[in-house]
């Protein structure tokens, strides 16, 4: 049986689903108005003689995650959302258990109602809370990939996403590794409120079978935590990469060996994608004496010299300009997750200690380095 046979027509895609919601409200006597293009926070406005309501339409392949609910709540509490009497959050597949727990925690006077669209009506859950952000015309795709495991791809994926969220961008993460370590680390996502605007930004995590651009229309960046087995990564996603980070380490006896792995990684990517800028970045970077560091840097940069000469979009990042330092915060963040595997994790190693945080500084610096290397202001243009 094909997928189209399993899904009723009204949830075939986002457009059909939005039209279906509009028809349900129209038949119930509401006046329906479509939101303006790039309108943050809602998709439809419905009115009757007493109420004006913002409607968030979520066409999803899976259940609603906590960050999606919290975003709509923030919008309703913002200045732009205060003109609405209520907010309706309507989806296709229901709500995750963390979201249902959140819904149950809201008081009866909550401004938001959540529902699941059926063929002829909406199955309302109960009042709840949350969401916003513009719909960019295009999304920027990142791949974090090396044809080798254990180099820190998942840690880099999650924290690079966090660095972009700190710059007020919404980010979607796709967990392509069969081990699903990314999902284990950050659960169904991370939500960071913005005290200035009243509207927060989020990281939402998806499995590849759940992903569709209409699932998260307000995400400006999409970061893929790739499987080290190249053939296990969907080629249609690899083809979308605008940028790809290739993590490595400065192991004195392994630099040349890693160089061969990265050469193979570049060849694999280029079979599918010729446009992406590829960046080799040093993870777990440890400062040493100036003399030893110069020897390591020279060996490291020489290992990728031939690739740089052959590929003008290949960039070997000098670790003195941008690298992920060895950090107690990252180490103990990982240890905590290993010790508490059943917890729902929604945090990154970004907490300030004594006013500083090396992981936060390193990943923001890495994001800035990438942007500068390819022309500047690429990511900020999506705000």
Protein backbone atom coordinates (compact mmCIF):
# COMPACT_ATOMS: atom_id res chain seq x y z
CA UNK A 1 0.00 0.00 0.00
CA UNK A 2 1.47 3.38 -1.00
CA UNK A 3 1.90 6.31 1.34
CA UNK A 4 -0.75 8.34 -0.52
CA UNK A 5 -3.26 5.55 0.11
CA UNK A 6 -2.51 5.54 3.81
CA UNK A 7 -2.94 9.30 4.27
CA UNK A 8 -6.34 10.94 3.64
CA UNK A 9 -6.25 13.71 0.99
CA UNK A 10 -6.52 16.54 3.50
CA UNK A 11 -3.10 15.74 5.02
CA UNK A 12 -1.23 14.97 1.78
CA UNK A 13 0.81 18.16 2.16
CA UNK A 14 0.81 21.50 3.93
CA UNK A 15 -1.33 23.34 1.38
CA UNK A 16 -4.10 20.73 1.46
CA UNK A 17 -4.00 20.68 5.25
CA UNK A 18 -4.25 24.46 5.60
CA UNK A 19 -7.18 24.53 3.16
CA UNK A 20 -8.86 21.73 5.11
CA UNK A 21 -8.58 23.69 8.38
CA UNK A 22 -10.01 26.79 6.71
CA UNK A 23 -13.01 24.79 5.44
CA UNK A 24 -13.73 23.36 8.90
CA UNK A 25 -13.86 26.83 10.44
CA UNK A 26 -15.90 28.25 7.54
CA UNK A 27 -18.52 25.52 7.92
CA UNK A 28 -18.67 26.27 11.64
CA UNK A 29 -19.58 29.89 10.90
CA UNK A 30 -16.20 31.55 11.34
CA UNK A 31 -14.82 34.10 8.88
CA UNK A 32 -11.41 32.88 7.72
CA UNK A 33 -8.51 35.06 6.62
CA UNK A 34 -5.09 33.83 5.43
CA UNK A 35 -2.08 35.44 7.08
CA UNK A 36 0.14 37.71 5.02
CA UNK A 37 3.28 36.27 3.45
CA UNK A 38 6.15 35.98 5.95
CA UNK A 39 3.78 36.71 8.82
CA UNK A 40 5.42 35.34 11.99
CA UNK A 41 3.39 33.41 14.52
CA UNK A 42 0.27 32.20 12.76
CA UNK A 43 -1.12 30.96 9.44
CA UNK A 44 -4.83 31.87 9.61
CA UNK A 45 -7.07 34.36 11.39
CA UNK A 46 -10.60 33.23 12.25
CA UNK A 47 -13.31 35.57 13.54
CA UNK A 48 -16.86 35.41 14.78
CA UNK A 49 -19.10 37.96 16.53
CA UNK A 50 -17.19 37.62 19.80
CA UNK A 51 -13.62 36.48 19.17
CA UNK A 52 -10.60 36.99 16.93
CA UNK A 53 -8.27 33.98 16.96
CA UNK A 54 -4.76 33.29 15.58
CA UNK A 55 -4.47 29.79 14.13
CA UNK A 56 -1.15 27.97 13.88
CA UNK A 57 -1.38 25.13 11.33
CA UNK A 58 1.23 22.41 11.83
CA UNK A 59 1.38 19.79 9.08
CA UNK A 60 3.68 17.19 10.64
CA UNK A 61 4.77 13.64 9.89
CA UNK A 62 5.24 13.00 13.61
CA UNK A 63 3.88 14.32 16.87
CA UNK A 64 4.18 17.92 18.00
CA UNK A 65 7.33 18.60 20.05
CA UNK A 66 7.69 20.86 23.08
CA UNK A 67 9.62 23.69 21.30
CA UNK A 68 6.83 24.00 18.70
CA UNK A 69 4.19 24.45 21.39
CA UNK A 70 6.29 26.88 23.43
CA UNK A 71 6.97 29.07 20.38
CA UNK A 72 3.28 29.62 19.71
CA UNK A 73 2.76 30.45 23.38
CA UNK A 74 5.46 33.12 23.23
CA UNK A 75 3.79 34.67 20.21
CA UNK A 76 0.43 34.90 21.98
CA UNK A 77 2.15 36.65 24.91
CA UNK A 78 4.02 39.09 22.66
CA UNK A 79 2.74 42.54 21.64
CA UNK A 80 1.74 41.20 18.21
CA UNK A 81 -0.20 38.34 19.82
CA UNK A 82 -2.11 40.44 22.34
CA UNK A 83 -4.60 41.58 19.70
CA UNK A 84 -5.97 38.01 19.55
CA UNK A 85 -8.46 36.69 22.09
CA UNK A 86 -7.21 33.11 21.68
CA UNK A 87 -4.72 30.99 19.78
CA UNK A 88 -5.57 27.64 18.15
CA UNK A 89 -2.70 25.20 17.55
CA UNK A 90 -3.90 22.53 15.12
CA UNK A 91 -1.86 19.59 13.87
CA UNK A 92 -2.11 16.28 12.03
CA UNK A 93 -0.58 13.52 14.15
CA UNK A 94 -1.13 14.45 17.79
CA UNK A 95 1.20 15.53 20.57
CA UNK A 96 4.27 13.93 22.17
CA UNK A 97 4.06 12.79 25.80
CA UNK A 98 6.16 15.75 27.05
CA UNK A 99 3.75 18.11 25.26
CA UNK A 100 0.68 16.38 26.75
CA UNK A 101 2.24 16.77 30.19
CA UNK A 102 2.83 20.44 29.45
CA UNK A 103 -0.77 20.89 28.30
CA UNK A 104 -2.07 19.38 31.53
CA UNK A 105 0.02 21.83 33.55
CA UNK A 106 -1.65 24.97 32.17
CA UNK A 107 -4.38 26.73 34.14
CA UNK A 108 -7.96 26.79 32.87
CA UNK A 109 -7.69 30.41 31.81
CA UNK A 110 -4.93 29.71 29.30
CA UNK A 111 -5.24 31.58 26.02
CA UNK A 112 -4.30 28.65 23.78
CA UNK A 113 -6.22 25.58 22.62
CA UNK A 114 -4.64 22.55 20.96
CA UNK A 115 -6.36 20.20 18.56
CA UNK A 116 -5.90 17.37 16.07
CA UNK A 117 -7.63 17.81 12.71
CA UNK A 118 -9.95 15.00 11.64
CA UNK A 119 -11.84 14.59 8.37
CA UNK A 120 -14.81 16.77 9.33
CA UNK A 121 -13.90 18.42 12.63
CA UNK A 122 -11.14 19.14 15.14
CA UNK A 123 -10.53 17.01 18.21
CA UNK A 124 -9.65 19.57 20.88
CA UNK A 125 -7.28 18.51 23.67
CA UNK A 126 -7.71 21.38 26.18
CA UNK A 127 -6.29 24.90 26.69
CA UNK A 128 -2.51 25.20 26.44
CA UNK A 129 0.21 27.65 25.38
CA UNK A 130 2.69 29.01 22.60
CA UNK A 131 4.87 30.03 19.04
CA UNK A 132 6.37 32.45 16.18
CA UNK A 133 8.88 33.39 13.35
CA UNK A 134 9.01 34.33 9.70
CA UNK A 135 8.93 31.88 6.81
CA UNK A 136 12.13 32.38 4.81
CA UNK A 137 12.04 31.62 1.10
CA UNK A 138 14.99 29.26 1.42
CA UNK A 139 16.74 27.33 4.16
CA UNK A 140 20.47 26.96 4.69
CA UNK A 141 21.57 23.34 5.01
CA UNK A 142 24.58 22.17 7.02
CA UNK A 143 26.01 18.67 7.09
CA UNK A 144 28.28 17.49 9.92
CA UNK A 145 30.03 14.50 8.38
CA UNK A 146 33.20 12.40 8.43
CA UNK A 147 33.65 8.85 7.11
CA UNK A 148 34.73 7.89 10.62
CA UNK A 149 32.95 7.61 13.95
CA UNK A 150 33.96 9.08 17.30
CA UNK A 151 35.20 12.50 16.13
CA UNK A 152 32.49 14.57 17.81
CA UNK A 153 29.94 15.02 15.01
CA UNK A 154 26.92 14.88 17.33
CA UNK A 155 28.38 17.25 19.91
CA UNK A 156 29.29 19.71 17.15
CA UNK A 157 25.87 19.40 15.49
CA UNK A 158 23.97 20.20 18.69
CA UNK A 159 26.21 23.04 19.86
CA UNK A 160 26.63 24.69 16.44
CA UNK A 161 22.82 24.74 16.31
CA UNK A 162 22.87 26.33 19.76
CA UNK A 163 25.30 29.00 18.58
CA UNK A 164 22.92 29.97 15.78
CA UNK A 165 19.95 30.00 18.16
CA UNK A 166 21.87 32.42 20.39
CA UNK A 167 21.98 34.65 17.29
CA UNK A 168 18.15 34.51 17.21
CA UNK A 169 17.80 31.98 14.41
CA UNK A 170 15.48 28.97 14.43
CA UNK A 171 17.30 25.73 13.68
CA UNK A 172 16.09 22.25 12.76
CA UNK A 173 18.34 19.26 13.46
CA UNK A 174 18.02 16.03 11.48
CA UNK A 175 19.42 12.94 13.19
CA UNK A 176 20.73 10.76 10.34
CA UNK A 177 22.91 8.47 12.45
CA UNK A 178 21.22 5.08 13.13
CA UNK A 179 22.56 5.29 16.70
CA UNK A 180 20.37 8.41 17.16
CA UNK A 181 22.81 9.94 19.63
CA UNK A 182 21.56 13.41 18.80
CA UNK A 183 18.02 12.56 19.89
CA UNK A 184 19.42 11.02 23.07
CA UNK A 185 21.35 14.20 23.84
CA UNK A 186 18.71 16.89 23.31
CA UNK A 187 15.42 14.97 23.34
CA UNK A 188 12.82 16.49 21.02
CA UNK A 189 14.48 19.88 21.03
CA UNK A 190 15.78 22.92 22.90
CA UNK A 191 13.86 26.17 23.36
CA UNK A 192 15.56 29.48 24.28
CA UNK A 193 13.25 32.37 25.23
CA UNK A 194 14.25 35.85 24.11
CA UNK A 195 13.60 38.31 26.93
CA UNK A 196 13.90 41.38 24.69
CA UNK A 197 11.28 40.48 22.07
CA UNK A 198 9.17 38.07 24.09
CA UNK A 199 9.51 35.59 21.24
CA UNK A 200 11.92 32.68 21.56
CA UNK A 201 13.92 30.57 19.15
CA UNK A 202 14.25 26.82 19.06
CA UNK A 203 16.18 23.76 17.99
CA UNK A 204 13.88 20.96 16.90
CA UNK A 205 15.15 17.41 16.29
CA UNK A 206 13.77 15.16 13.56
CA UNK A 207 14.39 11.68 12.28
CA UNK A 208 14.92 11.57 8.49
CA UNK A 209 11.51 9.95 7.86
CA UNK A 210 9.83 12.80 9.79
CA UNK A 211 11.54 15.59 7.87
CA UNK A 212 9.78 17.84 5.39
CA UNK A 213 10.45 21.55 4.92
CA UNK A 214 6.78 22.32 5.56
CA UNK A 215 7.02 20.57 8.93
CA UNK A 216 9.13 23.48 10.21
CA UNK A 217 8.46 26.40 7.84
CA UNK A 218 10.01 28.90 10.27
CA UNK A 219 13.43 27.19 10.54
CA UNK A 220 16.12 29.21 8.77
CA UNK A 221 18.90 26.67 9.19
CA UNK A 222 18.85 22.88 8.92
CA UNK A 223 21.77 20.95 10.42
CA UNK A 224 22.19 17.26 9.60
CA UNK A 225 24.09 15.04 12.02
CA UNK A 226 25.25 12.48 9.45
CA UNK A 227 25.94 8.79 9.71
CA UNK A 228 29.65 7.94 9.28
CA UNK A 229 28.51 5.30 6.77
CA UNK A 230 28.04 7.53 3.73
CA UNK A 231 25.46 5.32 2.00
CA UNK A 232 23.15 5.55 5.01
CA UNK A 233 22.68 9.29 4.50
CA UNK A 234 19.76 10.24 2.19
CA UNK A 235 21.35 11.55 -1.03
CA UNK A 236 18.56 14.13 -1.43
CA UNK A 237 19.70 15.76 1.83
CA UNK A 238 23.41 15.61 0.94
CA UNK A 239 22.54 17.36 -2.33
CA UNK A 240 20.98 20.21 -0.34
CA UNK A 241 24.10 20.95 1.75
CA UNK A 242 25.28 24.53 1.43
CA UNK A 243 28.03 23.91 3.98
CA UNK A 244 29.59 20.82 5.49
CA UNK A 245 31.75 20.64 8.63
CA UNK A 246 34.25 17.79 8.78
CA UNK A 247 35.54 17.33 12.34
CA UNK A 248 39.01 15.97 13.07
CA UNK A 249 41.58 16.01 15.90
CA UNK A 250 45.22 17.04 16.25
CA UNK A 251 46.46 13.61 17.20
CA UNK A 252 50.24 13.78 16.56
CA UNK A 253 50.44 10.24 15.18
CA UNK A 254 47.07 10.30 13.44
CA UNK A 255 47.01 13.54 11.42
CA UNK A 256 48.09 11.93 8.14
CA UNK A 257 45.75 8.98 8.69
CA UNK A 258 42.88 11.41 9.35
CA UNK A 259 43.88 13.26 6.18
CA UNK A 260 43.16 10.10 4.14
CA UNK A 261 39.76 9.70 5.86
CA UNK A 262 38.87 13.31 5.09
CA UNK A 263 40.05 12.93 1.47
CA UNK A 264 37.62 10.01 1.15
CA UNK A 265 34.91 12.10 2.85
CA UNK A 266 35.37 14.93 0.33
CA UNK A 267 35.27 12.52 -2.62
CA UNK A 268 32.04 10.95 -1.31
CA UNK A 269 30.32 14.31 -0.88
CA UNK A 270 31.45 15.61 -4.26
CA UNK A 271 29.84 12.64 -6.03
CA UNK A 272 26.47 14.15 -5.05
CA UNK A 273 27.12 17.78 -4.19
CA UNK A 274 29.48 20.14 -6.02
CA UNK A 275 28.22 23.41 -4.52
CA UNK A 276 28.81 22.96 -0.77
CA UNK A 277 31.65 24.71 1.02
CA UNK A 278 33.52 22.08 3.05
CA UNK A 279 35.30 23.03 6.29
CA UNK A 280 37.69 20.84 8.26
CA UNK A 281 37.53 21.88 11.93
CA UNK A 282 39.68 20.66 14.83
CA UNK A 283 37.69 19.27 17.76
CA UNK A 284 39.05 18.65 21.27
CA UNK A 285 41.81 21.20 20.62
CA UNK A 286 44.45 21.32 23.36
CA UNK A 287 46.91 24.17 23.73
CA UNK A 288 50.55 23.14 24.07
CA UNK A 289 53.93 24.84 23.87
CA UNK A 290 54.43 27.20 20.94
CA UNK A 291 57.05 24.96 19.34
CA UNK A 292 54.93 21.79 19.58
CA UNK A 293 51.87 23.68 18.39
CA UNK A 294 53.71 24.97 15.31
CA UNK A 295 54.78 21.41 14.42
CA UNK A 296 51.20 20.13 14.79
CA UNK A 297 49.72 23.04 12.80
CA UNK A 298 52.25 22.62 9.97
CA UNK A 299 51.61 18.86 9.74
CA UNK A 300 47.84 19.40 9.90
CA UNK A 301 47.73 22.09 7.21
CA UNK A 302 50.08 20.12 4.94
CA UNK A 303 47.82 17.06 5.20
CA UNK A 304 45.06 18.93 3.35
CA UNK A 305 47.16 21.07 1.01
CA UNK A 306 46.53 18.90 -2.06
CA UNK A 307 42.75 18.86 -1.49
CA UNK A 308 42.69 22.68 -1.17
CA UNK A 309 44.58 23.01 -4.46
CA UNK A 310 42.07 20.79 -6.27
CA UNK A 311 38.83 22.06 -4.65
CA UNK A 312 38.30 25.82 -4.33
CA UNK A 313 35.40 25.29 -1.90
CA UNK A 314 37.43 23.20 0.51
CA UNK A 315 38.65 25.06 3.60
CA UNK A 316 41.08 23.74 6.19
CA UNK A 317 40.47 25.91 9.27
CA UNK A 318 43.64 26.94 11.11
CA UNK A 319 42.90 25.93 14.74
CA UNK A 320 44.39 29.22 15.90
CA UNK A 321 41.52 30.99 14.11
CA UNK A 322 38.62 28.66 14.97
CA UNK A 323 38.51 25.33 16.78
CA UNK A 324 36.56 23.52 19.51
CA UNK A 325 38.76 23.48 22.59
CA UNK A 326 38.99 20.56 24.98
CA UNK A 327 36.61 21.63 27.72
CA UNK A 328 35.55 20.35 31.14
CA UNK A 329 32.08 21.71 30.38
CA UNK A 330 31.69 19.59 27.24
CA UNK A 331 33.22 16.59 29.01
CA UNK A 332 30.97 16.74 32.06
CA UNK A 333 27.95 17.53 29.88
CA UNK A 334 28.54 14.21 28.11
CA UNK A 335 29.19 12.37 31.38
CA UNK A 336 25.93 13.69 32.85
CA UNK A 337 24.00 12.40 29.85
CA UNK A 338 25.61 8.98 30.11
CA UNK A 339 24.79 8.79 33.82
CA UNK A 340 21.19 9.86 33.27
CA UNK A 341 20.07 8.15 30.02
CA UNK A 342 16.37 8.25 30.91
CA UNK A 343 16.18 11.99 31.46
CA UNK A 344 14.59 14.23 28.84
CA UNK A 345 17.58 16.41 27.91
CA UNK A 346 17.01 19.88 26.59
CA UNK A 347 20.22 21.68 27.51
CA UNK A 348 23.59 22.38 25.94
CA UNK A 349 27.00 23.00 27.54
CA UNK A 350 26.46 26.76 27.29
CA UNK A 351 26.09 27.75 30.96
CA UNK A 352 28.36 30.58 32.07
CA UNK A 353 30.91 29.71 34.75
CA UNK A 354 32.64 32.71 36.28
CA UNK A 355 31.21 34.82 33.48
CA UNK A 356 32.80 32.68 30.71
CA UNK A 357 31.89 29.60 28.72
CA UNK A 358 34.49 28.14 26.32
CA UNK A 359 32.02 25.97 24.34
CA UNK A 360 29.68 28.93 23.80
CA UNK A 361 32.58 31.15 22.69
CA UNK A 362 34.07 28.47 20.42
CA UNK A 363 30.87 27.63 18.56
CA UNK A 364 29.86 31.26 18.08
CA UNK A 365 33.37 31.95 16.78
CA UNK A 366 33.10 28.94 14.44
CA UNK A 367 29.77 30.20 13.06
CA UNK A 368 31.31 33.65 12.50
CA UNK A 369 34.40 32.12 10.83
CA UNK A 370 32.28 30.17 8.36
CA UNK A 371 30.22 33.23 7.52
CA UNK A 372 33.30 35.41 7.00
CA UNK A 373 35.02 32.77 4.87
CA UNK A 374 32.18 32.64 2.35
CA UNK A 375 31.33 36.33 2.13
CA UNK A 376 29.71 37.54 5.35
CA UNK A 377 26.15 38.22 6.58
CA UNK A 378 24.74 35.05 4.99
CA UNK A 379 23.09 33.80 8.17
CA UNK A 380 22.11 37.21 9.52
CA UNK A 381 20.15 37.86 6.34
CA UNK A 382 17.68 35.22 7.55
CA UNK A 383 16.69 37.09 10.72
